[in-house]
């Protein structure tokens, strides 16, 4: 049999080698397909595996029941692009399918399929690679049955399951929700899917979708110079209660002490591999914490400060017994005040407690309390 194997070579090496071992002639092809090309090369059978272009008539009509697709989802679930991502997001069965290609997209009769279970340790990329290998093994196992038409078809049109088709635009929007992209744990994809199980359109149109693309981790020594640069940025210093440039040695000593201090906590916000900024929490009194945020200049004025602060506070509440989180800010720093208020901080005349962190209301400490506002978040 003369077989045309459509798709990238990296994905089809094992399939090609197996077909050759069965004395089939194999042509590996990944360019746009035409009926003329098929006739010129006297193709008997077509296998599509990772082939991007959509195959249309007259090829489908000419090769009816002689053209199959290898798909990494348990059809009818996961039609379209990034099927394994959507399978985890939608909480549907995962697996692989071999089906005939018809005029629709991933709608043809299924001839073989296999359901696959995954552990909580999987990521999107490991699950993707595992599905490809299982699909390859399934094709190899069933090839002789496929050649002999030895199978019972499953007509997808008769399945009483309503499933959406996922196009490139929506798939890319979904991936934007995960800063680690294909390295995202499948548990995170499932968790977000449960939250938006009945409102996927809301997620894809959500103006705060960057919130789901922000990750946080504990501040580390390697972040010291970045924080120093953010702190000494001219715009940042203008909005600070004190405007002096902080020298490197003084900053380094302070930063190292902060990391070692059990009463202090700091997290770095990440958008993919890029650092957004730092959020710090200092214990001032039982259950009372002072906070501050400094942004990477690249992320200023784009809404990331609000989203990072929200995520940092959500995480902090889960790990600390906080009753009050407070911040003091210059009256002229309008954007920061709005950010804190949107996060839940409330503007108050003055705190009803005393602690070391409140010395910024003290003129003797070099501050002018008339220029400072106090905001408080009750946890």
Protein backbone atom coordinates (compact mmCIF):
# COMPACT_ATOMS: atom_id res chain seq x y z
CA UNK A 1 0.00 0.00 0.00
CA UNK A 2 1.24 3.47 -0.86
CA UNK A 3 0.57 5.64 2.20
CA UNK A 4 0.79 9.42 2.47
CA UNK A 5 1.68 10.36 6.04
CA UNK A 6 0.72 13.98 6.72
CA UNK A 7 2.35 15.97 9.51
CA UNK A 8 5.73 16.94 10.95
CA UNK A 9 8.48 14.33 10.85
CA UNK A 10 9.20 14.73 14.58
CA UNK A 11 5.72 13.43 15.38
CA UNK A 12 5.62 10.70 12.77
CA UNK A 13 8.97 8.91 12.91
CA UNK A 14 7.64 5.86 14.78
CA UNK A 15 4.55 5.61 12.57
CA UNK A 16 6.64 5.87 9.40
CA UNK A 17 9.14 3.24 10.56
CA UNK A 18 6.36 0.83 11.48
CA UNK A 19 4.58 1.22 8.14
CA UNK A 20 7.85 0.59 6.33
CA UNK A 21 8.36 -2.55 8.41
CA UNK A 22 4.97 -3.75 7.13
CA UNK A 23 6.19 -3.34 3.54
CA UNK A 24 4.05 -0.26 2.93
CA UNK A 25 5.45 2.52 0.81
CA UNK A 26 5.44 5.77 2.80
CA UNK A 27 5.65 9.40 1.73
CA UNK A 28 5.99 11.90 4.60
CA UNK A 29 4.45 15.23 3.61
CA UNK A 30 3.70 18.44 5.52
CA UNK A 31 2.88 20.99 2.82
CA UNK A 32 -0.48 22.07 1.44
CA UNK A 33 -2.18 19.10 -0.15
CA UNK A 34 -3.89 18.91 -3.54
CA UNK A 35 -5.75 16.20 -5.41
CA UNK A 36 -3.28 16.50 -8.27
CA UNK A 37 -0.41 15.69 -5.90
CA UNK A 38 -2.24 12.61 -4.65
CA UNK A 39 -2.92 11.32 -8.15
CA UNK A 40 0.59 12.05 -9.37
CA UNK A 41 2.04 10.04 -6.47
CA UNK A 42 -0.59 7.27 -6.76
CA UNK A 43 -1.55 7.47 -3.10
CA UNK A 44 -3.75 4.63 -1.80
CA UNK A 45 -4.30 5.76 1.78
CA UNK A 46 -3.82 8.97 3.80
CA UNK A 47 -2.95 9.30 7.49
CA UNK A 48 -3.07 12.76 9.08
CA UNK A 49 -1.10 13.09 12.32
CA UNK A 50 -0.40 16.63 13.51
CA UNK A 51 -1.14 18.06 10.08
CA UNK A 52 -2.19 21.72 10.39
CA UNK A 53 -3.99 22.53 7.09
CA UNK A 54 -7.68 21.63 6.90
CA UNK A 55 -8.32 18.96 4.27
CA UNK A 56 -11.33 19.75 2.07
CA UNK A 57 -13.12 18.52 -1.02
CA UNK A 58 -12.46 17.20 -3.59
CA UNK A 59 -9.84 15.24 -1.61
CA UNK A 60 -12.35 14.04 1.00
CA UNK A 61 -14.79 12.80 -1.63
CA UNK A 62 -12.06 11.12 -3.67
CA UNK A 63 -10.56 9.36 -0.63
CA UNK A 64 -13.75 8.55 1.24
CA UNK A 65 -12.96 5.94 3.95
CA UNK A 66 -9.31 6.02 2.87
CA UNK A 67 -8.25 9.08 4.87
CA UNK A 68 -7.95 9.04 8.66
CA UNK A 69 -6.90 11.48 11.34
CA UNK A 70 -5.04 10.76 14.57
CA UNK A 71 -6.42 13.05 17.30
CA UNK A 72 -5.28 13.44 20.92
CA UNK A 73 -8.71 13.60 22.51
CA UNK A 74 -11.44 11.14 23.40
CA UNK A 75 -13.88 12.23 20.70
CA UNK A 76 -16.44 13.69 20.58
CA UNK A 77 -14.73 15.65 23.38
CA UNK A 78 -11.83 17.96 22.53
CA UNK A 79 -12.68 18.89 18.97
CA UNK A 80 -10.40 21.51 17.45
CA UNK A 81 -7.09 22.90 18.62
CA UNK A 82 -5.23 22.12 21.85
CA UNK A 83 -7.58 19.22 22.64
CA UNK A 84 -5.76 18.02 25.74
CA UNK A 85 -5.81 21.55 27.24
CA UNK A 86 -9.56 21.83 26.72
CA UNK A 87 -10.14 18.30 28.01
CA UNK A 88 -8.61 19.22 31.36
CA UNK A 89 -10.30 22.62 31.44
CA UNK A 90 -13.76 21.20 30.68
CA UNK A 91 -13.35 18.18 32.94
CA UNK A 92 -14.28 15.65 30.23
CA UNK A 93 -12.80 12.21 29.46
CA UNK A 94 -9.25 12.29 28.12
CA UNK A 95 -7.83 9.97 25.51
CA UNK A 96 -6.96 9.44 21.86
CA UNK A 97 -9.01 8.72 18.75
CA UNK A 98 -8.50 7.55 15.18
CA UNK A 99 -11.32 8.66 12.90
CA UNK A 100 -12.19 9.09 9.25
CA UNK A 101 -11.95 12.63 7.93
CA UNK A 102 -15.21 14.10 6.64
CA UNK A 103 -16.35 17.58 5.68
CA UNK A 104 -16.47 18.70 9.31
CA UNK A 105 -13.57 19.20 11.72
CA UNK A 106 -12.94 16.18 13.95
CA UNK A 107 -16.50 15.00 13.25
CA UNK A 108 -15.87 11.87 11.16
CA UNK A 109 -16.72 8.31 12.17
CA UNK A 110 -14.47 6.97 14.93
CA UNK A 111 -12.80 3.64 14.19
CA UNK A 112 -10.57 3.23 17.26
CA UNK A 113 -10.11 5.18 20.48
CA UNK A 114 -8.67 4.75 23.95
CA UNK A 115 -9.41 6.54 27.20
CA UNK A 116 -6.41 7.71 29.26
CA UNK A 117 -6.14 8.62 32.95
CA UNK A 118 -3.60 11.12 34.29
CA UNK A 119 -2.03 11.70 37.69
CA UNK A 120 -2.03 15.04 39.51
CA UNK A 121 1.69 15.40 38.76
CA UNK A 122 1.14 15.89 35.03
CA UNK A 123 1.62 19.18 33.21
CA UNK A 124 0.04 20.19 29.93
CA UNK A 125 3.21 19.28 28.02
CA UNK A 126 3.75 15.91 29.71
CA UNK A 127 0.10 14.98 29.15
CA UNK A 128 0.38 16.12 25.53
CA UNK A 129 3.48 14.01 24.91
CA UNK A 130 1.95 11.01 26.66
CA UNK A 131 -1.18 11.22 24.50
CA UNK A 132 0.88 11.40 21.32
CA UNK A 133 2.80 8.28 22.31
CA UNK A 134 -0.37 6.39 23.22
CA UNK A 135 -1.96 7.48 19.94
CA UNK A 136 1.10 6.30 18.01
CA UNK A 137 0.97 2.93 19.78
CA UNK A 138 -2.74 2.62 19.02
CA UNK A 139 -2.20 3.23 15.31
CA UNK A 140 0.60 0.67 15.21
CA UNK A 141 -1.51 -1.85 17.12
CA UNK A 142 -4.55 -1.41 14.88
CA UNK A 143 -2.91 -0.81 11.49
CA UNK A 144 -3.58 -4.26 10.09
CA UNK A 145 -7.22 -3.99 11.22
CA UNK A 146 -7.47 -0.60 9.51
CA UNK A 147 -6.07 -2.05 6.26
CA UNK A 148 -8.60 -4.89 6.39
CA UNK A 149 -11.53 -2.66 7.42
CA UNK A 150 -11.79 -4.79 10.54
CA UNK A 151 -13.49 -2.36 12.92
CA UNK A 152 -16.87 -1.15 14.09
CA UNK A 153 -17.41 2.53 13.44
CA UNK A 154 -18.83 4.97 15.97
CA UNK A 155 -20.98 7.57 14.25
CA UNK A 156 -20.34 10.84 16.10
CA UNK A 157 -23.55 12.29 14.72
CA UNK A 158 -25.52 9.70 16.67
CA UNK A 159 -23.78 10.36 19.96
CA UNK A 160 -26.06 12.34 22.23
CA UNK A 161 -23.26 14.56 23.48
CA UNK A 162 -23.17 18.29 22.78
CA UNK A 163 -19.58 19.46 22.70
CA UNK A 164 -18.07 22.71 21.43
CA UNK A 165 -15.43 23.08 18.75
CA UNK A 166 -12.44 25.12 19.91
CA UNK A 167 -10.83 27.45 17.39
CA UNK A 168 -7.36 28.97 17.48
CA UNK A 169 -8.51 32.32 18.88
CA UNK A 170 -10.27 30.86 21.93
CA UNK A 171 -7.50 28.31 22.50
CA UNK A 172 -4.84 31.01 22.56
CA UNK A 173 -6.97 33.10 24.94
CA UNK A 174 -7.26 30.14 27.27
CA UNK A 175 -3.50 29.59 27.20
CA UNK A 176 -3.00 33.25 28.15
CA UNK A 177 -4.54 32.37 31.51
CA UNK A 178 -1.53 30.21 32.38
CA UNK A 179 1.81 32.01 32.83
CA UNK A 180 3.76 28.77 32.55
CA UNK A 181 1.96 27.92 29.33
CA UNK A 182 2.58 24.24 28.51
CA UNK A 183 4.44 23.71 31.80
CA UNK A 184 1.24 24.46 33.75
CA UNK A 185 0.15 21.63 36.08
CA UNK A 186 -3.07 20.03 34.84
CA UNK A 187 -4.56 20.54 38.32
CA UNK A 188 -4.41 24.33 37.76
CA UNK A 189 -6.20 23.97 34.42
CA UNK A 190 -8.87 21.80 36.04
CA UNK A 191 -9.30 24.26 38.91
CA UNK A 192 -9.83 27.21 36.58
CA UNK A 193 -12.21 25.09 34.51
CA UNK A 194 -14.34 24.30 37.55
CA UNK A 195 -14.57 27.99 38.37
CA UNK A 196 -15.74 28.88 34.87
CA UNK A 197 -17.53 25.63 34.00
CA UNK A 198 -20.74 27.42 33.07
CA UNK A 199 -19.27 30.69 31.81
CA UNK A 200 -16.34 30.03 29.52
CA UNK A 201 -17.34 33.08 27.48
CA UNK A 202 -17.00 35.15 30.64
CA UNK A 203 -13.46 33.91 31.12
CA UNK A 204 -12.42 34.54 27.53
CA UNK A 205 -13.87 38.06 27.64
CA UNK A 206 -12.81 38.83 31.19
CA UNK A 207 -10.94 42.12 31.34
CA UNK A 208 -9.04 40.84 34.38
CA UNK A 209 -7.82 37.73 32.56
CA UNK A 210 -4.24 38.82 33.35
CA UNK A 211 -5.05 37.89 36.95
CA UNK A 212 -4.98 34.23 35.94
CA UNK A 213 -1.71 34.74 34.09
CA UNK A 214 0.07 36.06 37.18
CA UNK A 215 2.00 33.66 39.36
CA UNK A 216 3.73 34.41 42.63
CA UNK A 217 6.64 32.87 44.46
CA UNK A 218 8.67 33.71 47.57
CA UNK A 219 11.26 36.43 47.07
CA UNK A 220 14.78 35.05 46.74
CA UNK A 221 18.29 36.45 46.98
CA UNK A 222 18.55 36.46 43.20
CA UNK A 223 15.79 39.12 43.11
CA UNK A 224 17.79 41.60 45.20
CA UNK A 225 19.16 43.70 42.34
CA UNK A 226 15.82 43.81 40.52
CA UNK A 227 14.06 45.11 43.64
CA UNK A 228 16.83 47.68 44.12
CA UNK A 229 16.32 48.96 40.56
CA UNK A 230 12.53 49.14 40.97
CA UNK A 231 12.93 50.97 44.26
CA UNK A 232 15.32 53.57 42.84
CA UNK A 233 13.29 54.28 39.72
CA UNK A 234 12.61 58.03 39.52
CA UNK A 235 8.82 57.70 39.23
CA UNK A 236 8.69 55.19 42.08
CA UNK A 237 10.77 57.40 44.36
CA UNK A 238 8.56 60.38 43.59
CA UNK A 239 5.58 58.50 45.01
CA UNK A 240 7.41 57.14 48.05
CA UNK A 241 7.15 58.73 51.49
CA UNK A 242 10.87 59.39 51.32
CA UNK A 243 12.49 60.15 47.99
CA UNK A 244 16.17 59.45 48.56
CA UNK A 245 18.11 57.05 46.35
CA UNK A 246 19.00 53.91 48.27
CA UNK A 247 22.62 52.85 47.86
CA UNK A 248 23.32 49.29 46.81
CA UNK A 249 25.15 48.20 49.97
CA UNK A 250 22.39 49.52 52.23
CA UNK A 251 19.70 47.89 50.10
CA UNK A 252 21.52 44.56 49.95
CA UNK A 253 21.90 44.48 53.74
CA UNK A 254 18.21 45.36 54.22
CA UNK A 255 17.08 42.79 51.64
CA UNK A 256 19.14 39.95 53.09
CA UNK A 257 17.85 40.77 56.56
CA UNK A 258 14.28 40.77 55.26
CA UNK A 259 14.66 37.28 53.79
CA UNK A 260 15.97 35.93 57.09
CA UNK A 261 13.37 37.68 59.27
CA UNK A 262 10.53 35.29 60.18
CA UNK A 263 8.26 38.28 60.82
CA UNK A 264 8.57 39.42 57.23
CA UNK A 265 7.19 37.89 54.06
CA UNK A 266 7.74 38.96 50.47
CA UNK A 267 6.60 37.54 47.15
CA UNK A 268 7.64 38.19 43.57
CA UNK A 269 4.95 38.44 40.91
CA UNK A 270 5.62 36.71 37.60
CA UNK A 271 4.09 37.02 34.16
CA UNK A 272 5.60 34.02 32.45
CA UNK A 273 9.30 34.33 33.18
CA UNK A 274 9.17 38.14 33.59
CA UNK A 275 9.11 39.71 37.04
CA UNK A 276 6.22 42.09 37.67
CA UNK A 277 7.19 43.39 41.09
CA UNK A 278 7.44 42.63 44.79
CA UNK A 279 4.81 42.70 47.56
CA UNK A 280 6.05 42.75 51.14
CA UNK A 281 4.26 42.06 54.45
CA UNK A 282 5.85 42.99 57.81
CA UNK A 283 4.42 41.82 61.13
CA UNK A 284 3.95 44.88 63.35
CA UNK A 285 1.80 43.47 66.12
CA UNK A 286 -0.20 40.30 66.74
CA UNK A 287 -2.25 39.82 63.55
CA UNK A 288 -1.34 43.28 62.21
CA UNK A 289 0.82 43.64 59.11
CA UNK A 290 2.25 46.54 57.16
CA UNK A 291 2.47 46.08 53.38
CA UNK A 292 4.07 47.70 50.35
CA UNK A 293 4.40 47.02 46.64
CA UNK A 294 7.08 48.00 44.10
CA UNK A 295 6.61 47.35 40.40
CA UNK A 296 8.95 46.61 37.56
CA UNK A 297 8.78 49.76 35.41
CA UNK A 298 7.75 47.68 32.37
CA UNK A 299 4.47 46.70 34.07
CA UNK A 300 3.53 50.09 35.48
CA UNK A 301 0.22 51.65 34.38
CA UNK A 302 -1.14 48.41 32.85
CA UNK A 303 -3.25 47.12 35.73
CA UNK A 304 -0.70 44.57 36.93
CA UNK A 305 -0.19 46.31 40.28
CA UNK A 306 -3.81 45.76 41.26
CA UNK A 307 -3.83 42.15 40.09
CA UNK A 308 -0.51 41.32 41.76
CA UNK A 309 -1.62 42.88 45.04
CA UNK A 310 -4.87 40.91 44.98
CA UNK A 311 -3.09 37.63 44.34
CA UNK A 312 -0.41 38.32 46.95
CA UNK A 313 -3.01 39.16 49.60
CA UNK A 314 -5.13 36.10 48.72
CA UNK A 315 -2.07 33.92 49.17
CA UNK A 316 -0.95 35.70 52.35
CA UNK A 317 -4.34 35.19 54.00
CA UNK A 318 -4.08 31.44 53.42
CA UNK A 319 -0.72 31.18 55.18
CA UNK A 320 -0.90 33.81 57.92
CA UNK A 321 -3.32 34.64 60.70
CA UNK A 322 -3.75 38.25 59.62
CA UNK A 323 -6.44 40.44 61.17
CA UNK A 324 -5.41 43.78 59.68
CA UNK A 325 -3.16 44.73 56.77
CA UNK A 326 -2.40 48.43 56.47
CA UNK A 327 -0.59 50.76 54.12
CA UNK A 328 0.37 54.43 54.25
CA UNK A 329 0.65 56.36 51.03
CA UNK A 330 1.20 59.93 49.85
CA UNK A 331 -1.96 61.90 49.21
CA UNK A 332 -0.63 62.81 45.77
CA UNK A 333 -0.22 59.16 44.78
CA UNK A 334 -3.76 58.90 43.37
CA UNK A 335 -3.17 55.79 41.27
CA UNK A 336 -1.84 53.85 44.26
CA UNK A 337 -4.77 54.93 46.43
CA UNK A 338 -7.22 53.71 43.78
CA UNK A 339 -5.34 50.41 43.54
CA UNK A 340 -5.52 49.81 47.28
CA UNK A 341 -9.20 50.75 47.44
CA UNK A 342 -10.03 48.35 44.58
CA UNK A 343 -8.22 45.65 46.53
CA UNK A 344 -10.45 46.24 49.55
CA UNK A 345 -8.45 48.74 51.60
CA UNK A 346 -10.51 51.40 53.33
CA UNK A 347 -9.33 54.97 53.88
CA UNK A 348 -9.40 55.88 57.59
CA UNK A 349 -8.64 59.03 59.53
CA UNK A 350 -6.15 57.21 61.73
CA UNK A 351 -5.44 53.72 63.03
CA UNK A 352 -6.95 52.61 66.33
CA UNK A 353 -3.75 50.85 67.41
CA UNK A 354 -0.09 51.73 67.82
CA UNK A 355 2.99 49.97 66.47
CA UNK A 356 6.49 50.65 65.17
CA UNK A 357 5.29 50.70 61.56
CA UNK A 358 3.16 53.76 62.25
CA UNK A 359 6.17 55.99 62.89
CA UNK A 360 5.56 57.43 59.43
CA UNK A 361 2.91 59.60 61.08
CA UNK A 362 5.64 61.05 63.28
CA UNK A 363 7.18 64.38 62.29
CA UNK A 364 10.27 63.58 64.33
CA UNK A 365 10.96 60.64 62.03
CA UNK A 366 11.28 63.02 59.10
CA UNK A 367 7.78 62.49 57.66
CA UNK A 368 4.98 65.00 57.31
CA UNK A 369 1.80 63.26 58.46
CA UNK A 370 -0.31 65.92 56.74
CA UNK A 371 0.82 64.47 53.40
CA UNK A 372 0.09 60.83 54.29
CA UNK A 373 -3.11 58.76 54.05
CA UNK A 374 -3.75 55.61 56.05
CA UNK A 375 -5.59 52.68 54.47
CA UNK A 376 -6.63 49.49 56.22
CA UNK A 377 -7.78 46.07 55.11
CA UNK A 378 -9.61 43.91 57.63
CA UNK A 379 -9.00 40.22 57.05
